[in-house]
Amino acid sequence: MTICCLSLLQAAHAYSGSSSGPVAAAMKACDPTGPLLVHVMKLYSAPDGATFHALARVYSGTLKKGHRVRVLGEAYTLDDEEDAADRDVLGLALPEVLGLAWFGFDLVT
């Protein structure tokens, strides 16, 4: 099942790359076979202090438990990758927030 309600305006805010390339086309089409692009809106620290629960939206690709993802922080730039880390997806949930479907997943640190 694919759940996607991405508007062109949302795509422009979530992705700063070329608007005419294959990545942007996959985002606009919500292509489940395209490159994985996930926008994390909020990180919640888990009680164990070692993991986070991430409230996120999948724009293209398919996110699965066990995937290794690259998490880019707020200060990340192409010139300085200091605010980036590779993390494993420990689980997925599909909570309902304000009537919209959002993807939540756990990341191990």
PDB file of N, CA and C in Angstrom:
ATOM      1  N   MET A   1       0.843  -1.174   0.000  1.00  0.00           N
ATOM      2  CA  MET A   1       0.000   0.000   0.000  1.00  0.00           C
ATOM      3  C   MET A   1       0.890   1.240   0.000  1.00  0.00           C
ATOM      4  N   THR A   2       0.618   2.167  -0.851  1.00  0.00           N
ATOM      5  CA  THR A   2       1.350   3.426  -0.914  1.00  0.00           C
ATOM      6  C   THR A   2       0.444   4.542  -0.438  1.00  0.00           C
ATOM      7  N   ILE A   3       0.913   5.313   0.517  1.00  0.00           N
ATOM      8  CA  ILE A   3       0.163   6.461   1.014  1.00  0.00           C
ATOM      9  C   ILE A   3       0.990   7.690   0.724  1.00  0.00           C
ATOM     10  N   CYS A   4       0.475   8.565  -0.103  1.00  0.00           N
ATOM     11  CA  CYS A   4       1.237   9.756  -0.454  1.00  0.00           C
ATOM     12  C   CYS A   4       0.271  10.867  -0.843  1.00  0.00           C
ATOM     13  N   CYS A   5       0.427  12.006  -0.245  1.00  0.00           N
ATOM     14  CA  CYS A   5      -0.399  13.158  -0.603  1.00  0.00           C
ATOM     15  C   CYS A   5       0.513  14.377  -0.707  1.00  0.00           C
ATOM     16  N   LEU A   6       1.531  14.223  -1.498  1.00  0.00           N
ATOM     17  CA  LEU A   6       2.549  15.258  -1.659  1.00  0.00           C
ATOM     18  C   LEU A   6       2.120  16.274  -2.709  1.00  0.00           C
ATOM     19  N   SER A   7       2.160  17.526  -2.352  1.00  0.00           N
ATOM     20  CA  SER A   7       1.899  18.576  -3.326  1.00  0.00           C
ATOM     21  C   SER A   7       3.227  19.093  -3.858  1.00  0.00           C
ATOM     22  N   LEU A   8       3.191  19.772  -4.956  1.00  0.00           N
ATOM     23  CA  LEU A   8       4.420  20.353  -5.521  1.00  0.00           C
ATOM     24  C   LEU A   8       5.032  21.367  -4.569  1.00  0.00           C
ATOM     25  N   LEU A   9       4.201  22.081  -3.824  1.00  0.00           N
ATOM     26  CA  LEU A   9       4.704  23.057  -2.859  1.00  0.00           C
ATOM     27  C   LEU A   9       5.457  22.342  -1.732  1.00  0.00           C
ATOM     28  N   GLN A  10       4.916  21.228  -1.245  1.00  0.00           N
ATOM     29  CA  GLN A  10       5.597  20.473  -0.201  1.00  0.00           C
ATOM     30  C   GLN A  10       6.924  19.922  -0.711  1.00  0.00           C
ATOM     31  N   ALA A  11       6.952  19.467  -1.940  1.00  0.00           N
ATOM     32  CA  ALA A  11       8.187  18.930  -2.521  1.00  0.00           C
ATOM     33  C   ALA A  11       9.255  20.015  -2.575  1.00  0.00           C
ATOM     34  N   ALA A  12       8.874  21.228  -2.923  1.00  0.00           N
ATOM     35  CA  ALA A  12       9.831  22.329  -3.013  1.00  0.00           C
ATOM     36  C   ALA A  12      10.429  22.654  -1.641  1.00  0.00           C
ATOM     37  N   HIS A  13       9.649  22.514  -0.567  1.00  0.00           N
ATOM     38  CA  HIS A  13      10.157  22.799   0.776  1.00  0.00           C
ATOM     39  C   HIS A  13      11.015  21.667   1.326  1.00  0.00           C
ATOM     40  N   ALA A  14      10.759  20.445   0.891  1.00  0.00           N
ATOM     41  CA  ALA A  14      11.457  19.288   1.452  1.00  0.00           C
ATOM     42  C   ALA A  14      12.743  18.940   0.714  1.00  0.00           C
ATOM     43  N   TYR A  15      12.909  19.410  -0.497  1.00  0.00           N
ATOM     44  CA  TYR A  15      14.039  18.997  -1.324  1.00  0.00           C
ATOM     45  C   TYR A  15      14.674  20.203  -1.976  1.00  0.00           C
ATOM     46  N   SER A  16      15.984  20.373  -1.800  1.00  0.00           N
ATOM     47  CA  SER A  16      16.662  21.556  -2.341  1.00  0.00           C
ATOM     48  C   SER A  16      17.464  21.255  -3.598  1.00  0.00           C
ATOM     49  N   GLY A  17      17.374  20.026  -4.105  1.00  0.00           N
ATOM     50  CA  GLY A  17      18.107  19.664  -5.317  1.00  0.00           C
ATOM     51  C   GLY A  17      17.404  20.158  -6.568  1.00  0.00           C
ATOM     52  N   SER A  18      17.843  19.673  -7.707  1.00  0.00           N
ATOM     53  CA  SER A  18      17.279  20.067  -8.995  1.00  0.00           C
ATOM     54  C   SER A  18      15.805  19.673  -9.078  1.00  0.00           C
ATOM     55  N   SER A  19      14.973  20.604  -9.517  1.00  0.00           N
ATOM     56  CA  SER A  19      13.542  20.324  -9.629  1.00  0.00           C
ATOM     57  C   SER A  19      13.197  19.572 -10.913  1.00  0.00           C
ATOM     58  N   SER A  20      14.192  19.339 -11.766  1.00  0.00           N
ATOM     59  CA  SER A  20      13.916  18.639 -13.024  1.00  0.00           C
ATOM     60  C   SER A  20      14.609  17.279 -13.110  1.00  0.00           C
ATOM     61  N   GLY A  21      15.291  16.876 -12.062  1.00  0.00           N
ATOM     62  CA  GLY A  21      16.026  15.613 -12.088  1.00  0.00           C
ATOM     63  C   GLY A  21      15.176  14.412 -11.699  1.00  0.00           C
ATOM     64  N   PRO A  22      15.764  13.228 -11.730  1.00  0.00           N
ATOM     65  CA  PRO A  22      15.030  12.004 -11.426  1.00  0.00           C
ATOM     66  C   PRO A  22      14.576  11.909  -9.965  1.00  0.00           C
ATOM     67  N   VAL A  23      15.325  12.497  -9.043  1.00  0.00           N
ATOM     68  CA  VAL A  23      14.925  12.459  -7.634  1.00  0.00           C
ATOM     69  C   VAL A  23      13.658  13.287  -7.423  1.00  0.00           C
ATOM     70  N   ALA A  24      13.625  14.479  -7.997  1.00  0.00           N
ATOM     71  CA  ALA A  24      12.440  15.329  -7.878  1.00  0.00           C
ATOM     72  C   ALA A  24      11.235  14.677  -8.555  1.00  0.00           C
ATOM     73  N   ALA A  25      11.450  14.035  -9.683  1.00  0.00           N
ATOM     74  CA  ALA A  25      10.348  13.351 -10.374  1.00  0.00           C
ATOM     75  C   ALA A  25       9.796  12.213  -9.523  1.00  0.00           C
ATOM     76  N   ALA A  26      10.678  11.473  -8.849  1.00  0.00           N
ATOM     77  CA  ALA A  26      10.232  10.385  -7.980  1.00  0.00           C
ATOM     78  C   ALA A  26       9.428  10.922  -6.808  1.00  0.00           C
ATOM     79  N   MET A  27       9.858  12.063  -6.238  1.00  0.00           N
ATOM     80  CA  MET A  27       9.121  12.681  -5.135  1.00  0.00           C
ATOM     81  C   MET A  27       7.733  13.122  -5.581  1.00  0.00           C
ATOM     82  N   LYS A  28       7.666  13.781  -6.707  1.00  0.00           N
ATOM     83  CA  LYS A  28       6.383  14.292  -7.194  1.00  0.00           C
ATOM     84  C   LYS A  28       5.416  13.176  -7.538  1.00  0.00           C
ATOM     85  N   ALA A  29       5.963  12.028  -7.957  1.00  0.00           N
ATOM     86  CA  ALA A  29       5.128  10.875  -8.318  1.00  0.00           C
ATOM     87  C   ALA A  29       4.899   9.938  -7.132  1.00  0.00           C
ATOM     88  N   CYS A  30       5.512  10.232  -5.983  1.00  0.00           N
ATOM     89  CA  CYS A  30       5.453   9.335  -4.815  1.00  0.00           C
ATOM     90  C   CYS A  30       5.808   7.921  -5.232  1.00  0.00           C
ATOM     91  N   ASP A  31       6.895   7.790  -5.970  1.00  0.00           N
ATOM     92  CA  ASP A  31       7.312   6.516  -6.559  1.00  0.00           C
ATOM     93  C   ASP A  31       7.876   5.578  -5.491  1.00  0.00           C
ATOM     94  N   PRO A  32       7.194   4.456  -5.198  1.00  0.00           N
ATOM     95  CA  PRO A  32       7.697   3.533  -4.185  1.00  0.00           C
ATOM     96  C   PRO A  32       8.968   2.803  -4.610  1.00  0.00           C
ATOM     97  N   THR A  33       9.297   2.846  -5.902  1.00  0.00           N
ATOM     98  CA  THR A  33      10.524   2.210  -6.384  1.00  0.00           C
ATOM     99  C   THR A  33      11.647   3.225  -6.586  1.00  0.00           C
ATOM    100  N   GLY A  34      11.380   4.490  -6.328  1.00  0.00           N
ATOM    101  CA  GLY A  34      12.380   5.545  -6.498  1.00  0.00           C
ATOM    102  C   GLY A  34      13.362   5.567  -5.336  1.00  0.00           C
ATOM    103  N   PRO A  35      14.273   6.536  -5.354  1.00  0.00           N
ATOM    104  CA  PRO A  35      15.237   6.658  -4.251  1.00  0.00           C
ATOM    105  C   PRO A  35      14.504   7.005  -2.955  1.00  0.00           C
ATOM    106  N   LEU A  36      14.989   6.471  -1.843  1.00  0.00           N
ATOM    107  CA  LEU A  36      14.350   6.722  -0.562  1.00  0.00           C
ATOM    108  C   LEU A  36      14.619   8.148  -0.108  1.00  0.00           C
ATOM    109  N   LEU A  37      13.546   8.909   0.056  1.00  0.00           N
ATOM    110  CA  LEU A  37      13.616  10.274   0.574  1.00  0.00           C
ATOM    111  C   LEU A  37      12.580  10.399   1.673  1.00  0.00           C
ATOM    112  N   VAL A  38      13.056  10.637   2.887  1.00  0.00           N
ATOM    113  CA  VAL A  38      12.201  10.733   4.059  1.00  0.00           C
ATOM    114  C   VAL A  38      12.494  12.054   4.751  1.00  0.00           C
ATOM    115  N   HIS A  39      11.453  12.780   5.109  1.00  0.00           N
ATOM    116  CA  HIS A  39      11.627  14.035   5.839  1.00  0.00           C
ATOM    117  C   HIS A  39      11.204  13.803   7.286  1.00  0.00           C
ATOM    118  N   VAL A  40      12.158  13.901   8.208  1.00  0.00           N
ATOM    119  CA  VAL A  40      11.863  13.751   9.633  1.00  0.00           C
ATOM    120  C   VAL A  40      11.465  15.120  10.176  1.00  0.00           C
ATOM    121  N   MET A  41      10.237  15.182  10.690  1.00  0.00           N
ATOM    122  CA  MET A  41       9.747  16.445  11.235  1.00  0.00           C
ATOM    123  C   MET A  41      10.092  16.612  12.708  1.00  0.00           C
ATOM    124  N   LYS A  42      10.129  15.495  13.433  1.00  0.00           N
ATOM    125  CA  LYS A  42      10.351  15.581  14.875  1.00  0.00           C
ATOM    126  C   LYS A  42      11.018  14.307  15.368  1.00  0.00           C
ATOM    127  N   LEU A  43      12.008  14.445  16.241  1.00  0.00           N
ATOM    128  CA  LEU A  43      12.647  13.313  16.913  1.00  0.00           C
ATOM    129  C   LEU A  43      12.236  13.337  18.380  1.00  0.00           C
ATOM    130  N   TYR A  44      11.787  12.199  18.871  1.00  0.00           N
ATOM    131  CA  TYR A  44      11.410  12.046  20.267  1.00  0.00           C
ATOM    132  C   TYR A  44      12.385  11.067  20.904  1.00  0.00           C
ATOM    133  N   SER A  45      13.017  11.464  21.992  1.00  0.00           N
ATOM    134  CA  SER A  45      13.954  10.584  22.690  1.00  0.00           C
ATOM    135  C   SER A  45      13.175   9.461  23.358  1.00  0.00           C
ATOM    136  N   ALA A  46      13.648   8.235  23.180  1.00  0.00           N
ATOM    137  CA  ALA A  46      13.018   7.071  23.798  1.00  0.00           C
ATOM    138  C   ALA A  46      13.467   6.988  25.259  1.00  0.00           C
ATOM    139  N   PRO A  47      12.693   6.308  26.095  1.00  0.00           N
ATOM    140  CA  PRO A  47      13.059   6.196  27.517  1.00  0.00           C
ATOM    141  C   PRO A  47      14.423   5.551  27.763  1.00  0.00           C
ATOM    142  N   ASP A  48      14.887   4.702  26.842  1.00  0.00           N
ATOM    143  CA  ASP A  48      16.175   4.041  27.051  1.00  0.00           C
ATOM    144  C   ASP A  48      17.359   4.982  26.832  1.00  0.00           C
ATOM    145  N   GLY A  49      17.131   6.146  26.275  1.00  0.00           N
ATOM    146  CA  GLY A  49      18.187   7.126  26.046  1.00  0.00           C
ATOM    147  C   GLY A  49      19.119   6.789  24.897  1.00  0.00           C
ATOM    148  N   ALA A  50      18.912   5.659  24.231  1.00  0.00           N
ATOM    149  CA  ALA A  50      19.802   5.244  23.143  1.00  0.00           C
ATOM    150  C   ALA A  50      19.121   5.306  21.783  1.00  0.00           C
ATOM    151  N   THR A  51      17.813   5.433  21.764  1.00  0.00           N
ATOM    152  CA  THR A  51      17.078   5.465  20.496  1.00  0.00           C
ATOM    153  C   THR A  51      16.174   6.687  20.444  1.00  0.00           C
ATOM    154  N   PHE A  52      15.706   6.954  19.239  1.00  0.00           N
ATOM    155  CA  PHE A  52      14.754   8.031  19.024  1.00  0.00           C
ATOM    156  C   PHE A  52      13.560   7.484  18.262  1.00  0.00           C
ATOM    157  N   HIS A  53      12.404   8.074  18.529  1.00  0.00           N
ATOM    158  CA  HIS A  53      11.228   7.829  17.705  1.00  0.00           C
ATOM    159  C   HIS A  53      11.158   9.031  16.765  1.00  0.00           C
ATOM    160  N   ALA A  54      11.043   8.768  15.472  1.00  0.00           N
ATOM    161  CA  ALA A  54      11.045   9.847  14.487  1.00  0.00           C
ATOM    162  C   ALA A  54       9.678   9.947  13.832  1.00  0.00           C
ATOM    163  N   LEU A  55       9.097  11.129  13.858  1.00  0.00           N
ATOM    164  CA  LEU A  55       7.879  11.393  13.119  1.00  0.00           C
ATOM    165  C   LEU A  55       8.321  11.882  11.749  1.00  0.00           C
ATOM    166  N   ALA A  56       7.985  11.125  10.715  1.00  0.00           N
ATOM    167  CA  ALA A  56       8.551  11.402   9.396  1.00  0.00           C
ATOM    168  C   ALA A  56       7.544  11.152   8.294  1.00  0.00           C
ATOM    169  N   ARG A  57       7.871  11.652   7.134  1.00  0.00           N
ATOM    170  CA  ARG A  57       7.048  11.464   5.947  1.00  0.00           C
ATOM    171  C   ARG A  57       7.919  10.923   4.825  1.00  0.00           C
ATOM    172  N   VAL A  58       7.461   9.853   4.188  1.00  0.00           N
ATOM    173  CA  VAL A  58       8.188   9.248   3.070  1.00  0.00           C
ATOM    174  C   VAL A  58       7.705   9.917   1.784  1.00  0.00           C
ATOM    175  N   TYR A  59       8.628  10.544   1.051  1.00  0.00           N
ATOM    176  CA  TYR A  59       8.279  11.208  -0.200  1.00  0.00           C
ATOM    177  C   TYR A  59       8.483  10.309  -1.409  1.00  0.00           C
ATOM    178  N   SER A  60       9.471   9.427  -1.355  1.00  0.00           N
ATOM    179  CA  SER A  60       9.654   8.445  -2.427  1.00  0.00           C
ATOM    180  C   SER A  60      10.447   7.280  -1.858  1.00  0.00           C
ATOM    181  N   GLY A  61      10.395   6.165  -2.563  1.00  0.00           N
ATOM    182  CA  GLY A  61      11.067   4.972  -2.094  1.00  0.00           C
ATOM    183  C   GLY A  61      10.197   4.221  -1.098  1.00  0.00           C
ATOM    184  N   THR A  62      10.755   3.178  -0.541  1.00  0.00           N
ATOM    185  CA  THR A  62      10.050   2.348   0.427  1.00  0.00           C
ATOM    186  C   THR A  62      10.942   2.158   1.635  1.00  0.00           C
ATOM    187  N   LEU A  63      10.448   2.536   2.797  1.00  0.00           N
ATOM    188  CA  LEU A  63      11.191   2.413   4.042  1.00  0.00           C
ATOM    189  C   LEU A  63      10.757   1.131   4.736  1.00  0.00           C
ATOM    190  N   LYS A  64      11.735   0.324   5.139  1.00  0.00           N
ATOM    191  CA  LYS A  64      11.438  -0.947   5.786  1.00  0.00           C
ATOM    192  C   LYS A  64      12.269  -1.097   7.055  1.00  0.00           C
ATOM    193  N   LYS A  65      11.746  -1.888   7.982  1.00  0.00           N
ATOM    194  CA  LYS A  65      12.484  -2.217   9.187  1.00  0.00           C
ATOM    195  C   LYS A  65      13.800  -2.881   8.779  1.00  0.00           C
ATOM    196  N   GLY A  66      14.891  -2.463   9.416  1.00  0.00           N
ATOM    197  CA  GLY A  66      16.202  -3.012   9.102  1.00  0.00           C
ATOM    198  C   GLY A  66      16.997  -2.188   8.103  1.00  0.00           C
ATOM    199  N   HIS A  67      16.335  -1.239   7.421  1.00  0.00           N
ATOM    200  CA  HIS A  67      17.065  -0.380   6.485  1.00  0.00           C
ATOM    201  C   HIS A  67      18.077   0.478   7.230  1.00  0.00           C
ATOM    202  N   ARG A  68      19.185   0.729   6.587  1.00  0.00           N
ATOM    203  CA  ARG A  68      20.187   1.671   7.088  1.00  0.00           C
ATOM    204  C   ARG A  68      19.936   2.979   6.353  1.00  0.00           C
ATOM    205  N   VAL A  69      19.724   4.053   7.092  1.00  0.00           N
ATOM    206  CA  VAL A  69      19.416   5.353   6.488  1.00  0.00           C
ATOM    207  C   VAL A  69      20.436   6.386   6.932  1.00  0.00           C
ATOM    208  N   ARG A  70      20.590   7.403   6.130  1.00  0.00           N
ATOM    209  CA  ARG A  70      21.484   8.521   6.462  1.00  0.00           C
ATOM    210  C   ARG A  70      20.601   9.653   6.957  1.00  0.00           C
ATOM    211  N   VAL A  71      20.837  10.066   8.190  1.00  0.00           N
ATOM    212  CA  VAL A  71      20.053  11.128   8.823  1.00  0.00           C
ATOM    213  C   VAL A  71      20.857  12.415   8.752  1.00  0.00           C
ATOM    214  N   LEU A  72      20.269  13.430   8.134  1.00  0.00           N
ATOM    215  CA  LEU A  72      20.924  14.731   7.994  1.00  0.00           C
ATOM    216  C   LEU A  72      20.340  15.696   9.016  1.00  0.00           C
ATOM    217  N   GLY A  73      21.186  16.302   9.807  1.00  0.00           N
ATOM    218  CA  GLY A  73      20.741  17.249  10.823  1.00  0.00           C
ATOM    219  C   GLY A  73      20.467  18.630  10.244  1.00  0.00           C
ATOM    220  N   GLU A  74      19.999  19.507  11.105  1.00  0.00           N
ATOM    221  CA  GLU A  74      19.644  20.859  10.674  1.00  0.00           C
ATOM    222  C   GLU A  74      20.836  21.631  10.124  1.00  0.00           C
ATOM    223  N   ALA A  75      22.036  21.369  10.644  1.00  0.00           N
ATOM    224  CA  ALA A  75      23.224  22.106  10.227  1.00  0.00           C
ATOM    225  C   ALA A  75      23.963  21.431   9.069  1.00  0.00           C
ATOM    226  N   TYR A  76      23.404  20.369   8.500  1.00  0.00           N
ATOM    227  CA  TYR A  76      24.076  19.646   7.408  1.00  0.00           C
ATOM    228  C   TYR A  76      24.174  20.521   6.164  1.00  0.00           C
ATOM    229  N   THR A  77      25.334  20.459   5.511  1.00  0.00           N
ATOM    230  CA  THR A  77      25.516  21.090   4.207  1.00  0.00           C
ATOM    231  C   THR A  77      26.299  20.117   3.331  1.00  0.00           C
ATOM    232  N   LEU A  78      26.241  20.312   2.031  1.00  0.00           N
ATOM    233  CA  LEU A  78      27.006  19.472   1.118  1.00  0.00           C
ATOM    234  C   LEU A  78      28.506  19.628   1.332  1.00  0.00           C
ATOM    235  N   ASP A  79      28.914  20.810   1.802  1.00  0.00           N
ATOM    236  CA  ASP A  79      30.338  21.079   2.033  1.00  0.00           C
ATOM    237  C   ASP A  79      30.840  20.511   3.355  1.00  0.00           C
ATOM    238  N   ASP A  80      29.952  20.321   4.335  1.00  0.00           N
ATOM    239  CA  ASP A  80      30.351  19.846   5.663  1.00  0.00           C
ATOM    240  C   ASP A  80      29.338  18.817   6.151  1.00  0.00           C
ATOM    241  N   GLU A  81      29.724  17.545   6.109  1.00  0.00           N
ATOM    242  CA  GLU A  81      28.813  16.462   6.474  1.00  0.00           C
ATOM    243  C   GLU A  81      28.888  16.108   7.956  1.00  0.00           C
ATOM    244  N   GLU A  82      29.386  17.040   8.786  1.00  0.00           N
ATOM    245  CA  GLU A  82      29.527  16.752  10.209  1.00  0.00           C
ATOM    246  C   GLU A  82      28.176  16.444  10.865  1.00  0.00           C
ATOM    247  N   ASP A  83      27.115  17.101  10.441  1.00  0.00           N
ATOM    248  CA  ASP A  83      25.795  16.900  11.036  1.00  0.00           C
ATOM    249  C   ASP A  83      25.008  15.842  10.261  1.00  0.00           C
ATOM    250  N   ALA A  84      25.608  14.669  10.072  1.00  0.00           N
ATOM    251  CA  ALA A  84      24.959  13.555   9.387  1.00  0.00           C
ATOM    252  C   ALA A  84      25.406  12.264  10.061  1.00  0.00           C
ATOM    253  N   ALA A  85      24.513  11.285  10.064  1.00  0.00           N
ATOM    254  CA  ALA A  85      24.842  10.004  10.693  1.00  0.00           C
ATOM    255  C   ALA A  85      24.063   8.888  10.016  1.00  0.00           C
ATOM    256  N   ASP A  86      24.660   7.701   9.935  1.00  0.00           N
ATOM    257  CA  ASP A  86      23.973   6.519   9.424  1.00  0.00           C
ATOM    258  C   ASP A  86      23.301   5.810  10.595  1.00  0.00           C
ATOM    259  N   ARG A  87      22.031   5.451  10.426  1.00  0.00           N
ATOM    260  CA  ARG A  87      21.255   4.810  11.488  1.00  0.00           C
ATOM    261  C   ARG A  87      20.422   3.672  10.912  1.00  0.00           C
ATOM    262  N   ASP A  88      20.089   2.707  11.777  1.00  0.00           N
ATOM    263  CA  ASP A  88      19.238   1.577  11.394  1.00  0.00           C
ATOM    264  C   ASP A  88      17.797   1.857  11.781  1.00  0.00           C
ATOM    265  N   VAL A  89      16.859   1.475  10.921  1.00  0.00           N
ATOM    266  CA  VAL A  89      15.441   1.596  11.221  1.00  0.00           C
ATOM    267  C   VAL A  89      15.047   0.364  12.029  1.00  0.00           C
ATOM    268  N   LEU A  90      14.622   0.586  13.274  1.00  0.00           N
ATOM    269  CA  LEU A  90      14.296  -0.519  14.173  1.00  0.00           C
ATOM    270  C   LEU A  90      12.845  -0.967  14.062  1.00  0.00           C
ATOM    271  N   GLY A  91      11.989  -0.090  13.625  1.00  0.00           N
ATOM    272  CA  GLY A  91      10.580  -0.447  13.511  1.00  0.00           C
ATOM    273  C   GLY A  91       9.810   0.654  12.820  1.00  0.00           C
ATOM    274  N   LEU A  92       8.595   0.351  12.416  1.00  0.00           N
ATOM    275  CA  LEU A  92       7.728   1.314  11.737  1.00  0.00           C
ATOM    276  C   LEU A  92       6.348   1.308  12.384  1.00  0.00           C
ATOM    277  N   ALA A  93       5.693   2.442  12.359  1.00  0.00           N
ATOM    278  CA  ALA A  93       4.322   2.564  12.844  1.00  0.00           C
ATOM    279  C   ALA A  93       3.607   3.554  11.948  1.00  0.00           C
ATOM    280  N   LEU A  94       2.328   3.442  11.867  1.00  0.00           N
ATOM    281  CA  LEU A  94       1.540   4.354  11.044  1.00  0.00           C
ATOM    282  C   LEU A  94       0.474   5.012  11.908  1.00  0.00           C
ATOM    283  N   PRO A  95       0.886   5.999  12.718  1.00  0.00           N
ATOM    284  CA  PRO A  95      -0.103   6.701  13.540  1.00  0.00           C
ATOM    285  C   PRO A  95      -0.916   7.669  12.687  1.00  0.00           C
ATOM    286  N   GLU A  96      -2.050   8.053  13.191  1.00  0.00           N
ATOM    287  CA  GLU A  96      -2.869   9.025  12.478  1.00  0.00           C
ATOM    288  C   GLU A  96      -2.786  10.350  13.217  1.00  0.00           C
ATOM    289  N   VAL A  97      -2.350  11.388  12.512  1.00  0.00           N
ATOM    290  CA  VAL A  97      -2.183  12.715  13.089  1.00  0.00           C
ATOM    291  C   VAL A  97      -3.032  13.688  12.289  1.00  0.00           C
ATOM    292  N   LEU A  98      -3.973  14.305  12.931  1.00  0.00           N
ATOM    293  CA  LEU A  98      -4.839  15.303  12.289  1.00  0.00           C
ATOM    294  C   LEU A  98      -5.495  14.761  11.017  1.00  0.00           C
ATOM    295  N   GLY A  99      -5.815  13.475  11.011  1.00  0.00           N
ATOM    296  CA  GLY A  99      -6.497  12.886   9.871  1.00  0.00           C
ATOM    297  C   GLY A  99      -5.592  12.533   8.709  1.00  0.00           C
ATOM    298  N   LEU A 100      -4.284  12.783   8.832  1.00  0.00           N
ATOM    299  CA  LEU A 100      -3.349  12.467   7.758  1.00  0.00           C
ATOM    300  C   LEU A 100      -2.487  11.292   8.179  1.00  0.00           C
ATOM    301  N   ALA A 101      -2.046  10.511   7.237  1.00  0.00           N
ATOM    302  CA  ALA A 101      -1.164   9.382   7.552  1.00  0.00           C
ATOM    303  C   ALA A 101       0.276   9.866   7.568  1.00  0.00           C
ATOM    304  N   TRP A 102       0.989   9.580   8.633  1.00  0.00           N
ATOM    305  CA  TRP A 102       2.392   9.930   8.782  1.00  0.00           C
ATOM    306  C   TRP A 102       3.147   8.666   9.169  1.00  0.00           C
ATOM    307  N   PHE A 103       4.406   8.596   8.838  1.00  0.00           N
ATOM    308  CA  PHE A 103       5.215   7.429   9.155  1.00  0.00           C
ATOM    309  C   PHE A 103       6.103   7.748  10.340  1.00  0.00           C
ATOM    310  N   GLY A 104       6.093   6.881  11.340  1.00  0.00           N
ATOM    311  CA  GLY A 104       6.976   7.023  12.490  1.00  0.00           C
ATOM    312  C   GLY A 104       7.910   5.831  12.516  1.00  0.00           C
ATOM    313  N   PHE A 105       9.158   6.033  12.813  1.00  0.00           N
ATOM    314  CA  PHE A 105      10.086   4.897  12.885  1.00  0.00           C
ATOM    315  C   PHE A 105      11.121   5.166  13.963  1.00  0.00           C
ATOM    316  N   ASP A 106      11.694   4.082  14.477  1.00  0.00           N
ATOM    317  CA  ASP A 106      12.691   4.171  15.547  1.00  0.00           C
ATOM    318  C   ASP A 106      14.087   4.077  14.942  1.00  0.00           C
ATOM    319  N   LEU A 107      14.988   4.886  15.450  1.00  0.00           N
ATOM    320  CA  LEU A 107      16.382   4.882  14.984  1.00  0.00           C
ATOM    321  C   LEU A 107      17.288   4.539  16.147  1.00  0.00           C
ATOM    322  N   VAL A 108      18.258   3.685  15.917  1.00  0.00           N
ATOM    323  CA  VAL A 108      19.236   3.359  16.947  1.00  0.00           C
ATOM    324  C   VAL A 108      20.420   4.299  16.801  1.00  0.00           C
ATOM    325  N   THR A 109      20.988   4.757  17.913  1.00  0.00           N
ATOM    326  CA  THR A 109      22.132   5.666  17.857  1.00  0.00           C
ATOM    327  C   THR A 109      23.420   4.904  18.007  1.00  0.00           C
TER     328      THR A 109
END
